[in-house]
Amino acid sequence: MNDQQLDRVFLALANSSRRQLMDLVAARPGCTLSQLLSEFDISRIGLMKHLQVLLDANLVIAEKRGRERPLYLNSVPLQLIHERWSDQYRDFWAGQLTRLKYAVESNSADTTKVRKKEKV
């Protein structure tokens, strides 16, 4: 994903109405703009503009079926963003957790040895 595509995705996600629109499309795959209009307090043209931003960011896909355009959520851009930033930290935190595990186990083993010596 290049910087221009990334900017489009973040621009689309920056608006609460567009996020709500994405949530509705995800919950109702194949719905149309007309079906979603009742969920918003904006005009049809306003909703169409929000939808166009989502389409430009490739977060929503619209199929053309005659006069209707069923809408579907495309989560691929979100997954690419997630992978871009989380992969670099996943390895770091996995290593930290492994070190913590060994430290706790080592401390637990030392505590057990001390208790056995106290009993003798």
PDB file of N, CA and C in Angstrom:
ATOM      1  N   MET A   1       0.860  -1.169   0.000  1.00  0.00           N
ATOM      2  CA  MET A   1       0.000   0.000   0.000  1.00  0.00           C
ATOM      3  C   MET A   1       0.907   1.233   0.000  1.00  0.00           C
ATOM      4  N   ASN A   2       0.739   2.091  -0.995  1.00  0.00           N
ATOM      5  CA  ASN A   2       1.572   3.283  -1.068  1.00  0.00           C
ATOM      6  C   ASN A   2       1.018   4.395  -0.173  1.00  0.00           C
ATOM      7  N   ASP A   3       1.769   5.485  -0.040  1.00  0.00           N
ATOM      8  CA  ASP A   3       1.379   6.565   0.869  1.00  0.00           C
ATOM      9  C   ASP A   3       0.064   7.229   0.468  1.00  0.00           C
ATOM     10  N   GLN A   4      -0.189   7.348  -0.825  1.00  0.00           N
ATOM     11  CA  GLN A   4      -1.429   7.970  -1.288  1.00  0.00           C
ATOM     12  C   GLN A   4      -2.640   7.110  -0.898  1.00  0.00           C
ATOM     13  N   GLN A   5      -2.534   5.817  -1.072  1.00  0.00           N
ATOM     14  CA  GLN A   5      -3.615   4.913  -0.670  1.00  0.00           C
ATOM     15  C   GLN A   5      -3.817   4.937   0.843  1.00  0.00           C
ATOM     16  N   LEU A   6      -2.724   4.976   1.570  1.00  0.00           N
ATOM     17  CA  LEU A   6      -2.774   5.035   3.024  1.00  0.00           C
ATOM     18  C   LEU A   6      -3.474   6.313   3.489  1.00  0.00           C
ATOM     19  N   ASP A   7      -3.154   7.428   2.844  1.00  0.00           N
ATOM     20  CA  ASP A   7      -3.810   8.696   3.178  1.00  0.00           C
ATOM     21  C   ASP A   7      -5.316   8.634   2.936  1.00  0.00           C
ATOM     22  N   ARG A   8      -5.716   7.992   1.855  1.00  0.00           N
ATOM     23  CA  ARG A   8      -7.149   7.865   1.563  1.00  0.00           C
ATOM     24  C   ARG A   8      -7.867   7.057   2.640  1.00  0.00           C
ATOM     25  N   VAL A   9      -7.237   5.991   3.087  1.00  0.00           N
ATOM     26  CA  VAL A   9      -7.853   5.150   4.115  1.00  0.00           C
ATOM     27  C   VAL A   9      -8.005   5.939   5.415  1.00  0.00           C
ATOM     28  N   PHE A  10      -6.944   6.620   5.832  1.00  0.00           N
ATOM     29  CA  PHE A  10      -7.024   7.386   7.075  1.00  0.00           C
ATOM     30  C   PHE A  10      -8.010   8.549   6.964  1.00  0.00           C
ATOM     31  N   LEU A  11      -8.078   9.184   5.798  1.00  0.00           N
ATOM     32  CA  LEU A  11      -9.059  10.245   5.589  1.00  0.00           C
ATOM     33  C   LEU A  11     -10.473   9.689   5.719  1.00  0.00           C
ATOM     34  N   ALA A  12     -10.706   8.537   5.146  1.00  0.00           N
ATOM     35  CA  ALA A  12     -12.033   7.918   5.216  1.00  0.00           C
ATOM     36  C   ALA A  12     -12.392   7.555   6.649  1.00  0.00           C
ATOM     37  N   LEU A  13     -11.441   7.056   7.405  1.00  0.00           N
ATOM     38  CA  LEU A  13     -11.698   6.633   8.778  1.00  0.00           C
ATOM     39  C   LEU A  13     -11.795   7.800   9.755  1.00  0.00           C
ATOM     40  N   ALA A  14     -11.387   8.987   9.325  1.00  0.00           N
ATOM     41  CA  ALA A  14     -11.362  10.149  10.215  1.00  0.00           C
ATOM     42  C   ALA A  14     -12.750  10.709  10.512  1.00  0.00           C
ATOM     43  N   ASN A  15     -13.761  10.259   9.797  1.00  0.00           N
ATOM     44  CA  ASN A  15     -15.105  10.807   9.967  1.00  0.00           C
ATOM     45  C   ASN A  15     -16.029   9.770  10.596  1.00  0.00           C
ATOM     46  N   SER A  16     -16.752  10.176  11.631  1.00  0.00           N
ATOM     47  CA  SER A  16     -17.617   9.227  12.347  1.00  0.00           C
ATOM     48  C   SER A  16     -18.782   8.737  11.483  1.00  0.00           C
ATOM     49  N   SER A  17     -19.295   9.579  10.598  1.00  0.00           N
ATOM     50  CA  SER A  17     -20.390   9.135   9.716  1.00  0.00           C
ATOM     51  C   SER A  17     -19.909   8.047   8.762  1.00  0.00           C
ATOM     52  N   ARG A  18     -18.686   8.179   8.279  1.00  0.00           N
ATOM     53  CA  ARG A  18     -18.147   7.153   7.381  1.00  0.00           C
ATOM     54  C   ARG A  18     -17.872   5.863   8.134  1.00  0.00           C
ATOM     55  N   ARG A  19     -17.402   5.977   9.373  1.00  0.00           N
ATOM     56  CA  ARG A  19     -17.192   4.760  10.169  1.00  0.00           C
ATOM     57  C   ARG A  19     -18.530   4.067  10.442  1.00  0.00           C
ATOM     58  N   GLN A  20     -19.551   4.860  10.722  1.00  0.00           N
ATOM     59  CA  GLN A  20     -20.886   4.288  10.932  1.00  0.00           C
ATOM     60  C   GLN A  20     -21.385   3.629   9.650  1.00  0.00           C
ATOM     61  N   LEU A  21     -21.148   4.263   8.528  1.00  0.00           N
ATOM     62  CA  LEU A  21     -21.537   3.703   7.234  1.00  0.00           C
ATOM     63  C   LEU A  21     -20.813   2.374   6.986  1.00  0.00           C
ATOM     64  N   MET A  22     -19.531   2.320   7.318  1.00  0.00           N
ATOM     65  CA  MET A  22     -18.781   1.064   7.170  1.00  0.00           C
ATOM     66  C   MET A  22     -19.354  -0.022   8.073  1.00  0.00           C
ATOM     67  N   ASP A  23     -19.693   0.338   9.308  1.00  0.00           N
ATOM     68  CA  ASP A  23     -20.278  -0.639  10.242  1.00  0.00           C
ATOM     69  C   ASP A  23     -21.588  -1.200   9.705  1.00  0.00           C
ATOM     70  N   LEU A  24     -22.410  -0.330   9.142  1.00  0.00           N
ATOM     71  CA  LEU A  24     -23.693  -0.776   8.597  1.00  0.00           C
ATOM     72  C   LEU A  24     -23.503  -1.677   7.379  1.00  0.00           C
ATOM     73  N   VAL A  25     -22.568  -1.318   6.523  1.00  0.00           N
ATOM     74  CA  VAL A  25     -22.297  -2.144   5.340  1.00  0.00           C
ATOM     75  C   VAL A  25     -21.748  -3.503   5.769  1.00  0.00           C
ATOM     76  N   ALA A  26     -20.920  -3.517   6.796  1.00  0.00           N
ATOM     77  CA  ALA A  26     -20.385  -4.788   7.298  1.00  0.00           C
ATOM     78  C   ALA A  26     -21.491  -5.647   7.901  1.00  0.00           C
ATOM     79  N   ALA A  27     -22.438  -5.008   8.571  1.00  0.00           N
ATOM     80  CA  ALA A  27     -23.527  -5.751   9.208  1.00  0.00           C
ATOM     81  C   ALA A  27     -24.574  -6.225   8.209  1.00  0.00           C
ATOM     82  N   ARG A  28     -24.679  -5.517   7.090  1.00  0.00           N
ATOM     83  CA  ARG A  28     -25.691  -5.841   6.068  1.00  0.00           C
ATOM     84  C   ARG A  28     -25.047  -5.959   4.684  1.00  0.00           C
ATOM     85  N   PRO A  29     -24.254  -6.979   4.452  1.00  0.00           N
ATOM     86  CA  PRO A  29     -23.606  -7.114   3.136  1.00  0.00           C
ATOM     87  C   PRO A  29     -24.643  -7.141   2.015  1.00  0.00           C
ATOM     88  N   GLY A  30     -24.365  -6.391   0.965  1.00  0.00           N
ATOM     89  CA  GLY A  30     -25.270  -6.350  -0.178  1.00  0.00           C
ATOM     90  C   GLY A  30     -26.347  -5.287  -0.074  1.00  0.00           C
ATOM     91  N   CYS A  31     -26.304  -4.477   0.986  1.00  0.00           N
ATOM     92  CA  CYS A  31     -27.315  -3.418   1.120  1.00  0.00           C
ATOM     93  C   CYS A  31     -27.033  -2.318   0.095  1.00  0.00           C
ATOM     94  N   THR A  32     -28.023  -1.480  -0.120  1.00  0.00           N
ATOM     95  CA  THR A  32     -27.881  -0.378  -1.072  1.00  0.00           C
ATOM     96  C   THR A  32     -27.876   0.944  -0.315  1.00  0.00           C
ATOM     97  N   LEU A  33     -27.487   1.995  -1.005  1.00  0.00           N
ATOM     98  CA  LEU A  33     -27.463   3.327  -0.414  1.00  0.00           C
ATOM     99  C   LEU A  33     -28.862   3.722   0.061  1.00  0.00           C
ATOM    100  N   SER A  34     -29.865   3.403  -0.713  1.00  0.00           N
ATOM    101  CA  SER A  34     -31.247   3.736  -0.340  1.00  0.00           C
ATOM    102  C   SER A  34     -31.643   3.065   0.971  1.00  0.00           C
ATOM    103  N   GLN A  35     -31.202   1.846   1.181  1.00  0.00           N
ATOM    104  CA  GLN A  35     -31.524   1.127   2.417  1.00  0.00           C
ATOM    105  C   GLN A  35     -30.808   1.726   3.617  1.00  0.00           C
ATOM    106  N   LEU A  36     -29.663   2.326   3.400  1.00  0.00           N
ATOM    107  CA  LEU A  36     -28.886   2.895   4.496  1.00  0.00           C
ATOM    108  C   LEU A  36     -29.282   4.328   4.823  1.00  0.00           C
ATOM    109  N   LEU A  37     -29.946   4.983   3.918  1.00  0.00           N
ATOM    110  CA  LEU A  37     -30.283   6.397   4.072  1.00  0.00           C
ATOM    111  C   LEU A  37     -31.090   6.676   5.338  1.00  0.00           C
ATOM    112  N   SER A  38     -31.963   5.767   5.721  1.00  0.00           N
ATOM    113  CA  SER A  38     -32.807   5.987   6.899  1.00  0.00           C
ATOM    114  C   SER A  38     -32.007   5.993   8.207  1.00  0.00           C
ATOM    115  N   GLU A  39     -30.785   5.500   8.180  1.00  0.00           N
ATOM    116  CA  GLU A  39     -29.946   5.446   9.377  1.00  0.00           C
ATOM    117  C   GLU A  39     -29.204   6.760   9.650  1.00  0.00           C
ATOM    118  N   PHE A  40     -29.283   7.705   8.726  1.00  0.00           N
ATOM    119  CA  PHE A  40     -28.520   8.949   8.834  1.00  0.00           C
ATOM    120  C   PHE A  40     -29.432  10.164   8.784  1.00  0.00           C
ATOM    121  N   ASP A  41     -28.981  11.239   9.411  1.00  0.00           N
ATOM    122  CA  ASP A  41     -29.719  12.508   9.389  1.00  0.00           C
ATOM    123  C   ASP A  41     -29.110  13.470   8.382  1.00  0.00           C
ATOM    124  N   ILE A  42     -28.681  12.939   7.262  1.00  0.00           N
ATOM    125  CA  ILE A  42     -28.119  13.783   6.209  1.00  0.00           C
ATOM    126  C   ILE A  42     -28.834  13.474   4.898  1.00  0.00           C
ATOM    127  N   SER A  43     -28.621  14.327   3.926  1.00  0.00           N
ATOM    128  CA  SER A  43     -29.289  14.152   2.632  1.00  0.00           C
ATOM    129  C   SER A  43     -28.685  12.973   1.874  1.00  0.00           C
ATOM    130  N   ARG A  44     -29.395  12.550   0.856  1.00  0.00           N
ATOM    131  CA  ARG A  44     -28.907  11.462   0.008  1.00  0.00           C
ATOM    132  C   ARG A  44     -27.575  11.843  -0.633  1.00  0.00           C
ATOM    133  N   ILE A  45     -27.474  13.082  -1.084  1.00  0.00           N
ATOM    134  CA  ILE A  45     -26.240  13.542  -1.729  1.00  0.00           C
ATOM    135  C   ILE A  45     -25.094  13.562  -0.714  1.00  0.00           C
ATOM    136  N   GLY A  46     -25.371  13.982   0.518  1.00  0.00           N
ATOM    137  CA  GLY A  46     -24.349  13.971   1.564  1.00  0.00           C
ATOM    138  C   GLY A  46     -23.856  12.562   1.837  1.00  0.00           C
ATOM    139  N   LEU A  47     -24.778  11.615   1.909  1.00  0.00           N
ATOM    140  CA  LEU A  47     -24.404  10.224   2.143  1.00  0.00           C
ATOM    141  C   LEU A  47     -23.631   9.662   0.949  1.00  0.00           C
ATOM    142  N   MET A  48     -24.025  10.072  -0.253  1.00  0.00           N
ATOM    143  CA  MET A  48     -23.305   9.627  -1.455  1.00  0.00           C
ATOM    144  C   MET A  48     -21.854  10.131  -1.430  1.00  0.00           C
ATOM    145  N   LYS A  49     -21.643  11.351  -0.926  1.00  0.00           N
ATOM    146  CA  LYS A  49     -20.279  11.885  -0.841  1.00  0.00           C
ATOM    147  C   LYS A  49     -19.447  11.085   0.153  1.00  0.00           C
ATOM    148  N   HIS A  50     -20.048  10.749   1.285  1.00  0.00           N
ATOM    149  CA  HIS A  50     -19.337   9.911   2.259  1.00  0.00           C
ATOM    150  C   HIS A  50     -19.020   8.541   1.663  1.00  0.00           C
ATOM    151  N   LEU A  51     -19.982   7.985   0.960  1.00  0.00           N
ATOM    152  CA  LEU A  51     -19.767   6.683   0.325  1.00  0.00           C
ATOM    153  C   LEU A  51     -18.645   6.762  -0.698  1.00  0.00           C
ATOM    154  N   GLN A  52     -18.584   7.838  -1.449  1.00  0.00           N
ATOM    155  CA  GLN A  52     -17.542   7.983  -2.468  1.00  0.00           C
ATOM    156  C   GLN A  52     -16.157   8.009  -1.823  1.00  0.00           C
ATOM    157  N   VAL A  53     -16.028   8.645  -0.670  1.00  0.00           N
ATOM    158  CA  VAL A  53     -14.733   8.655   0.036  1.00  0.00           C
ATOM    159  C   VAL A  53     -14.347   7.230   0.423  1.00  0.00           C
ATOM    160  N   LEU A  54     -15.315   6.454   0.893  1.00  0.00           N
ATOM    161  CA  LEU A  54     -15.047   5.058   1.251  1.00  0.00           C
ATOM    162  C   LEU A  54     -14.701   4.220   0.025  1.00  0.00           C
ATOM    163  N   LEU A  55     -15.357   4.494  -1.077  1.00  0.00           N
ATOM    164  CA  LEU A  55     -15.059   3.787  -2.330  1.00  0.00           C
ATOM    165  C   LEU A  55     -13.656   4.139  -2.817  1.00  0.00           C
ATOM    166  N   ASP A  56     -13.301   5.425  -2.734  1.00  0.00           N
ATOM    167  CA  ASP A  56     -11.962   5.858  -3.163  1.00  0.00           C
ATOM    168  C   ASP A  56     -10.867   5.222  -2.315  1.00  0.00           C
ATOM    169  N   ALA A  57     -11.169   4.997  -1.040  1.00  0.00           N
ATOM    170  CA  ALA A  57     -10.199   4.369  -0.140  1.00  0.00           C
ATOM    171  C   ALA A  57     -10.224   2.852  -0.263  1.00  0.00           C
ATOM    172  N   ASN A  58     -11.124   2.330  -1.073  1.00  0.00           N
ATOM    173  CA  ASN A  58     -11.277   0.887  -1.289  1.00  0.00           C
ATOM    174  C   ASN A  58     -11.717   0.154  -0.021  1.00  0.00           C
ATOM    175  N   LEU A  59     -12.381   0.876   0.887  1.00  0.00           N
ATOM    176  CA  LEU A  59     -12.904   0.269   2.101  1.00  0.00           C
ATOM    177  C   LEU A  59     -14.288  -0.325   1.880  1.00  0.00           C
ATOM    178  N   VAL A  60     -14.982   0.168   0.876  1.00  0.00           N
ATOM    179  CA  VAL A  60     -16.285  -0.352   0.487  1.00  0.00           C
ATOM    180  C   VAL A  60     -16.235  -0.628  -1.008  1.00  0.00           C
ATOM    181  N   ILE A  61     -16.840  -1.727  -1.391  1.00  0.00           N
ATOM    182  CA  ILE A  61     -16.907  -2.108  -2.807  1.00  0.00           C
ATOM    183  C   ILE A  61     -18.366  -2.091  -3.226  1.00  0.00           C
ATOM    184  N   ALA A  62     -18.623  -1.524  -4.392  1.00  0.00           N
ATOM    185  CA  ALA A  62     -19.978  -1.471  -4.924  1.00  0.00           C
ATOM    186  C   ALA A  62     -20.032  -2.242  -6.229  1.00  0.00           C
ATOM    187  N   GLU A  63     -20.934  -3.215  -6.296  1.00  0.00           N
ATOM    188  CA  GLU A  63     -21.151  -3.953  -7.541  1.00  0.00           C
ATOM    189  C   GLU A  63     -22.256  -3.250  -8.311  1.00  0.00           C
ATOM    190  N   LYS A  64     -22.195  -3.363  -9.605  1.00  0.00           N
ATOM    191  CA  LYS A  64     -23.251  -2.765 -10.406  1.00  0.00           C
ATOM    192  C   LYS A  64     -24.170  -3.878 -10.882  1.00  0.00           C
ATOM    193  N   ARG A  65     -25.416  -3.835 -10.426  1.00  0.00           N
ATOM    194  CA  ARG A  65     -26.437  -4.803 -10.842  1.00  0.00           C
ATOM    195  C   ARG A  65     -27.651  -4.034 -11.332  1.00  0.00           C
ATOM    196  N   GLY A  66     -27.689  -3.797 -12.616  1.00  0.00           N
ATOM    197  CA  GLY A  66     -28.783  -3.020 -13.168  1.00  0.00           C
ATOM    198  C   GLY A  66     -28.751  -1.614 -12.604  1.00  0.00           C
ATOM    199  N   ARG A  67     -29.842  -1.206 -11.953  1.00  0.00           N
ATOM    200  CA  ARG A  67     -29.905   0.138 -11.377  1.00  0.00           C
ATOM    201  C   ARG A  67     -29.402   0.169  -9.933  1.00  0.00           C
ATOM    202  N   GLU A  68     -29.196  -0.981  -9.356  1.00  0.00           N
ATOM    203  CA  GLU A  68     -28.765  -1.034  -7.968  1.00  0.00           C
ATOM    204  C   GLU A  68     -27.257  -1.241  -7.867  1.00  0.00           C
ATOM    205  N   ARG A  69     -26.711  -0.815  -6.739  1.00  0.00           N
ATOM    206  CA  ARG A  69     -25.287  -1.016  -6.467  1.00  0.00           C
ATOM    207  C   ARG A  69     -25.136  -1.580  -5.057  1.00  0.00           C
ATOM    208  N   PRO A  70     -25.202  -2.901  -4.912  1.00  0.00           N
ATOM    209  CA  PRO A  70     -25.005  -3.496  -3.584  1.00  0.00           C
ATOM    210  C   PRO A  70     -23.614  -3.148  -3.046  1.00  0.00           C
ATOM    211  N   LEU A  71     -23.560  -2.899  -1.751  1.00  0.00           N
ATOM    212  CA  LEU A  71     -22.324  -2.473  -1.107  1.00  0.00           C
ATOM    213  C   LEU A  71     -21.770  -3.583  -0.214  1.00  0.00           C
ATOM    214  N   TYR A  72     -20.455  -3.696  -0.210  1.00  0.00           N
ATOM    215  CA  TYR A  72     -19.777  -4.706   0.606  1.00  0.00           C
ATOM    216  C   TYR A  72     -18.546  -4.078   1.243  1.00  0.00           C
ATOM    217  N   LEU A  73     -18.261  -4.466   2.464  1.00  0.00           N
ATOM    218  CA  LEU A  73     -17.074  -3.986   3.154  1.00  0.00           C
ATOM    219  C   LEU A  73     -15.852  -4.725   2.619  1.00  0.00           C
ATOM    220  N   ASN A  74     -14.774  -3.994   2.410  1.00  0.00           N
ATOM    221  CA  ASN A  74     -13.495  -4.584   2.014  1.00  0.00           C
ATOM    222  C   ASN A  74     -12.517  -4.313   3.153  1.00  0.00           C
ATOM    223  N   SER A  75     -12.199  -5.318   3.922  1.00  0.00           N
ATOM    224  CA  SER A  75     -11.338  -5.134   5.090  1.00  0.00           C
ATOM    225  C   SER A  75      -9.847  -5.253   4.770  1.00  0.00           C
ATOM    226  N   VAL A  76      -9.501  -5.477   3.530  1.00  0.00           N
ATOM    227  CA  VAL A  76      -8.091  -5.658   3.159  1.00  0.00           C
ATOM    228  C   VAL A  76      -7.246  -4.426   3.501  1.00  0.00           C
ATOM    229  N   PRO A  77      -7.674  -3.202   3.170  1.00  0.00           N
ATOM    230  CA  PRO A  77      -6.842  -2.044   3.547  1.00  0.00           C
ATOM    231  C   PRO A  77      -6.623  -1.938   5.057  1.00  0.00           C
ATOM    232  N   LEU A  78      -7.634  -2.261   5.832  1.00  0.00           N
ATOM    233  CA  LEU A  78      -7.493  -2.226   7.290  1.00  0.00           C
ATOM    234  C   LEU A  78      -6.496  -3.277   7.760  1.00  0.00           C
ATOM    235  N   GLN A  79      -6.545  -4.452   7.159  1.00  0.00           N
ATOM    236  CA  GLN A  79      -5.606  -5.525   7.515  1.00  0.00           C
ATOM    237  C   GLN A  79      -4.178  -5.140   7.161  1.00  0.00           C
ATOM    238  N   LEU A  80      -3.987  -4.489   6.011  1.00  0.00           N
ATOM    239  CA  LEU A  80      -2.643  -4.065   5.606  1.00  0.00           C
ATOM    240  C   LEU A  80      -2.078  -3.035   6.578  1.00  0.00           C
ATOM    241  N   ILE A  81      -2.924  -2.110   7.022  1.00  0.00           N
ATOM    242  CA  ILE A  81      -2.486  -1.108   7.995  1.00  0.00           C
ATOM    243  C   ILE A  81      -2.136  -1.787   9.312  1.00  0.00           C
ATOM    244  N   HIS A  82      -2.975  -2.703   9.733  1.00  0.00           N
ATOM    245  CA  HIS A  82      -2.719  -3.440  10.980  1.00  0.00           C
ATOM    246  C   HIS A  82      -1.379  -4.172  10.908  1.00  0.00           C
ATOM    247  N   GLU A  83      -1.150  -4.860   9.820  1.00  0.00           N
ATOM    248  CA  GLU A  83       0.090  -5.621   9.669  1.00  0.00           C
ATOM    249  C   GLU A  83       1.309  -4.705   9.614  1.00  0.00           C
ATOM    250  N   ARG A  84       1.145  -3.552   8.970  1.00  0.00           N
ATOM    251  CA  ARG A  84       2.277  -2.634   8.827  1.00  0.00           C
ATOM    252  C   ARG A  84       2.794  -2.173  10.183  1.00  0.00           C
ATOM    253  N   TRP A  85       1.887  -1.890  11.115  1.00  0.00           N
ATOM    254  CA  TRP A  85       2.332  -1.356  12.396  1.00  0.00           C
ATOM    255  C   TRP A  85       2.395  -2.393  13.509  1.00  0.00           C
ATOM    256  N   SER A  86       1.638  -3.435  13.429  1.00  0.00           N
ATOM    257  CA  SER A  86       1.648  -4.379  14.544  1.00  0.00           C
ATOM    258  C   SER A  86       2.740  -5.436  14.422  1.00  0.00           C
ATOM    259  N   ASP A  87       3.132  -5.800  13.221  1.00  0.00           N
ATOM    260  CA  ASP A  87       4.149  -6.846  13.055  1.00  0.00           C
ATOM    261  C   ASP A  87       5.468  -6.476  13.723  1.00  0.00           C
ATOM    262  N   GLN A  88       5.852  -5.208  13.611  1.00  0.00           N
ATOM    263  CA  GLN A  88       7.134  -4.811  14.194  1.00  0.00           C
ATOM    264  C   GLN A  88       7.114  -4.863  15.715  1.00  0.00           C
ATOM    265  N   TYR A  89       5.940  -4.700  16.317  1.00  0.00           N
ATOM    266  CA  TYR A  89       5.837  -4.739  17.770  1.00  0.00           C
ATOM    267  C   TYR A  89       5.531  -6.136  18.296  1.00  0.00           C
ATOM    268  N   ARG A  90       4.941  -6.961  17.460  1.00  0.00           N
ATOM    269  CA  ARG A  90       4.593  -8.316  17.884  1.00  0.00           C
ATOM    270  C   ARG A  90       5.843  -9.089  18.310  1.00  0.00           C
ATOM    271  N   ASP A  91       6.893  -9.015  17.517  1.00  0.00           N
ATOM    272  CA  ASP A  91       8.124  -9.729  17.839  1.00  0.00           C
ATOM    273  C   ASP A  91       8.737  -9.204  19.141  1.00  0.00           C
ATOM    274  N   PHE A  92       8.724  -7.889  19.319  1.00  0.00           N
ATOM    275  CA  PHE A  92       9.267  -7.290  20.521  1.00  0.00           C
ATOM    276  C   PHE A  92       8.524  -7.796  21.751  1.00  0.00           C
ATOM    277  N   TRP A  93       7.187  -7.723  21.714  1.00  0.00           N
ATOM    278  CA  TRP A  93       6.411  -8.127  22.893  1.00  0.00           C
ATOM    279  C   TRP A  93       6.448  -9.636  23.119  1.00  0.00           C
ATOM    280  N   ALA A  94       6.545 -10.405  22.072  1.00  0.00           N
ATOM    281  CA  ALA A  94       6.679 -11.857  22.247  1.00  0.00           C
ATOM    282  C   ALA A  94       7.981 -12.164  22.985  1.00  0.00           C
ATOM    283  N   GLY A  95       9.046 -11.482  22.633  1.00  0.00           N
ATOM    284  CA  GLY A  95      10.322 -11.665  23.316  1.00  0.00           C
ATOM    285  C   GLY A  95      10.250 -11.233  24.775  1.00  0.00           C
ATOM    286  N   GLN A  96       9.580 -10.115  25.019  1.00  0.00           N
ATOM    287  CA  GLN A  96       9.436  -9.622  26.395  1.00  0.00           C
ATOM    288  C   GLN A  96       8.647 -10.616  27.245  1.00  0.00           C
ATOM    289  N   LEU A  97       7.577 -11.144  26.695  1.00  0.00           N
ATOM    290  CA  LEU A  97       6.757 -12.100  27.439  1.00  0.00           C
ATOM    291  C   LEU A  97       7.514 -13.399  27.704  1.00  0.00           C
ATOM    292  N   THR A  98       8.325 -13.816  26.762  1.00  0.00           N
ATOM    293  CA  THR A  98       9.140 -15.021  26.963  1.00  0.00           C
ATOM    294  C   THR A  98      10.134 -14.798  28.103  1.00  0.00           C
ATOM    295  N   ARG A  99      10.795 -13.632  28.117  1.00  0.00           N
ATOM    296  CA  ARG A  99      11.730 -13.323  29.203  1.00  0.00           C
ATOM    297  C   ARG A  99      11.005 -13.275  30.549  1.00  0.00           C
ATOM    298  N   LEU A 100       9.815 -12.701  30.579  1.00  0.00           N
ATOM    299  CA  LEU A 100       9.023 -12.641  31.809  1.00  0.00           C
ATOM    300  C   LEU A 100       8.667 -14.045  32.295  1.00  0.00           C
ATOM    301  N   LYS A 101       8.278 -14.901  31.361  1.00  0.00           N
ATOM    302  CA  LYS A 101       7.925 -16.281  31.705  1.00  0.00           C
ATOM    303  C   LYS A 101       9.108 -16.975  32.381  1.00  0.00           C
ATOM    304  N   TYR A 102      10.289 -16.860  31.774  1.00  0.00           N
ATOM    305  CA  TYR A 102      11.466 -17.507  32.341  1.00  0.00           C
ATOM    306  C   TYR A 102      11.836 -16.899  33.695  1.00  0.00           C
ATOM    307  N   ALA A 103      11.676 -15.598  33.840  1.00  0.00           N
ATOM    308  CA  ALA A 103      11.995 -14.950  35.114  1.00  0.00           C
ATOM    309  C   ALA A 103      11.047 -15.429  36.208  1.00  0.00           C
ATOM    310  N   VAL A 104       9.755 -15.523  35.897  1.00  0.00           N
ATOM    311  CA  VAL A 104       8.777 -15.993  36.873  1.00  0.00           C
ATOM    312  C   VAL A 104       9.045 -17.444  37.234  1.00  0.00           C
ATOM    313  N   GLU A 105       9.303 -18.274  36.241  1.00  0.00           N
ATOM    314  CA  GLU A 105       9.574 -19.691  36.506  1.00  0.00           C
ATOM    315  C   GLU A 105      10.849 -19.864  37.324  1.00  0.00           C
ATOM    316  N   SER A 106      11.857 -19.079  37.021  1.00  0.00           N
ATOM    317  CA  SER A 106      13.118 -19.153  37.754  1.00  0.00           C
ATOM    318  C   SER A 106      12.911 -18.716  39.197  1.00  0.00           C
ATOM    319  N   ASN A 107      12.181 -17.644  39.393  1.00  0.00           N
ATOM    320  CA  ASN A 107      11.885 -17.138  40.727  1.00  0.00           C
ATOM    321  C   ASN A 107      11.063 -18.161  41.509  1.00  0.00           C
ATOM    322  N   SER A 108      10.131 -18.792  40.845  1.00  0.00           N
ATOM    323  CA  SER A 108       9.292 -19.807  41.481  1.00  0.00           C
ATOM    324  C   SER A 108      10.135 -21.011  41.906  1.00  0.00           C
ATOM    325  N   ALA A 109      11.073 -21.415  41.066  1.00  0.00           N
ATOM    326  CA  ALA A 109      11.945 -22.547  41.378  1.00  0.00           C
ATOM    327  C   ALA A 109      12.849 -22.206  42.562  1.00  0.00           C
ATOM    328  N   ASP A 110      13.358 -20.966  42.612  1.00  0.00           N
ATOM    329  CA  ASP A 110      14.206 -20.536  43.719  1.00  0.00           C
ATOM    330  C   ASP A 110      13.418 -20.515  45.022  1.00  0.00           C
ATOM    331  N   THR A 111      12.190 -20.064  44.971  1.00  0.00           N
ATOM    332  CA  THR A 111      11.329 -20.014  46.151  1.00  0.00           C
ATOM    333  C   THR A 111      11.043 -21.413  46.661  1.00  0.00           C
ATOM    334  N   THR A 112      10.833 -22.358  45.773  1.00  0.00           N
ATOM    335  CA  THR A 112      10.571 -23.747  46.158  1.00  0.00           C
ATOM    336  C   THR A 112      11.794 -24.334  46.861  1.00  0.00           C
ATOM    337  N   LYS A 113      13.010 -24.059  46.361  1.00  0.00           N
ATOM    338  CA  LYS A 113      14.237 -24.561  46.979  1.00  0.00           C
ATOM    339  C   LYS A 113      14.401 -24.007  48.392  1.00  0.00           C
ATOM    340  N   VAL A 114      14.107 -22.721  48.578  1.00  0.00           N
ATOM    341  CA  VAL A 114      14.229 -22.088  49.889  1.00  0.00           C
ATOM    342  C   VAL A 114      13.260 -22.727  50.867  1.00  0.00           C
ATOM    343  N   ARG A 115      12.043 -22.986  50.454  1.00  0.00           N
ATOM    344  CA  ARG A 115      11.039 -23.597  51.323  1.00  0.00           C
ATOM    345  C   ARG A 115      11.457 -25.012  51.736  1.00  0.00           C
ATOM    346  N   LYS A 116      12.052 -25.760  50.805  1.00  0.00           N
ATOM    347  CA  LYS A 116      12.501 -27.119  51.126  1.00  0.00           C
ATOM    348  C   LYS A 116      13.621 -27.074  52.161  1.00  0.00           C
ATOM    349  N   LYS A 117      14.545 -26.105  52.063  1.00  0.00           N
ATOM    350  CA  LYS A 117      15.640 -25.974  53.013  1.00  0.00           C
ATOM    351  C   LYS A 117      15.104 -25.604  54.404  1.00  0.00           C
ATOM    352  N   GLU A 118      14.056 -24.753  54.439  1.00  0.00           N
ATOM    353  CA  GLU A 118      13.472 -24.344  55.715  1.00  0.00           C
ATOM    354  C   GLU A 118      12.845 -25.510  56.443  1.00  0.00           C
ATOM    355  N   LYS A 119      12.293 -26.467  55.721  1.00  0.00           N
ATOM    356  CA  LYS A 119      11.623 -27.622  56.330  1.00  0.00           C
ATOM    357  C   LYS A 119      12.635 -28.593  56.943  1.00  0.00           C
ATOM    358  N   VAL A 120      13.825 -28.615  56.397  1.00  0.00           N
ATOM    359  CA  VAL A 120      14.839 -29.586  56.857  1.00  0.00           C
ATOM    360  C   VAL A 120      15.397 -29.216  58.156  1.00  0.00           C
TER     361      VAL A 120
END
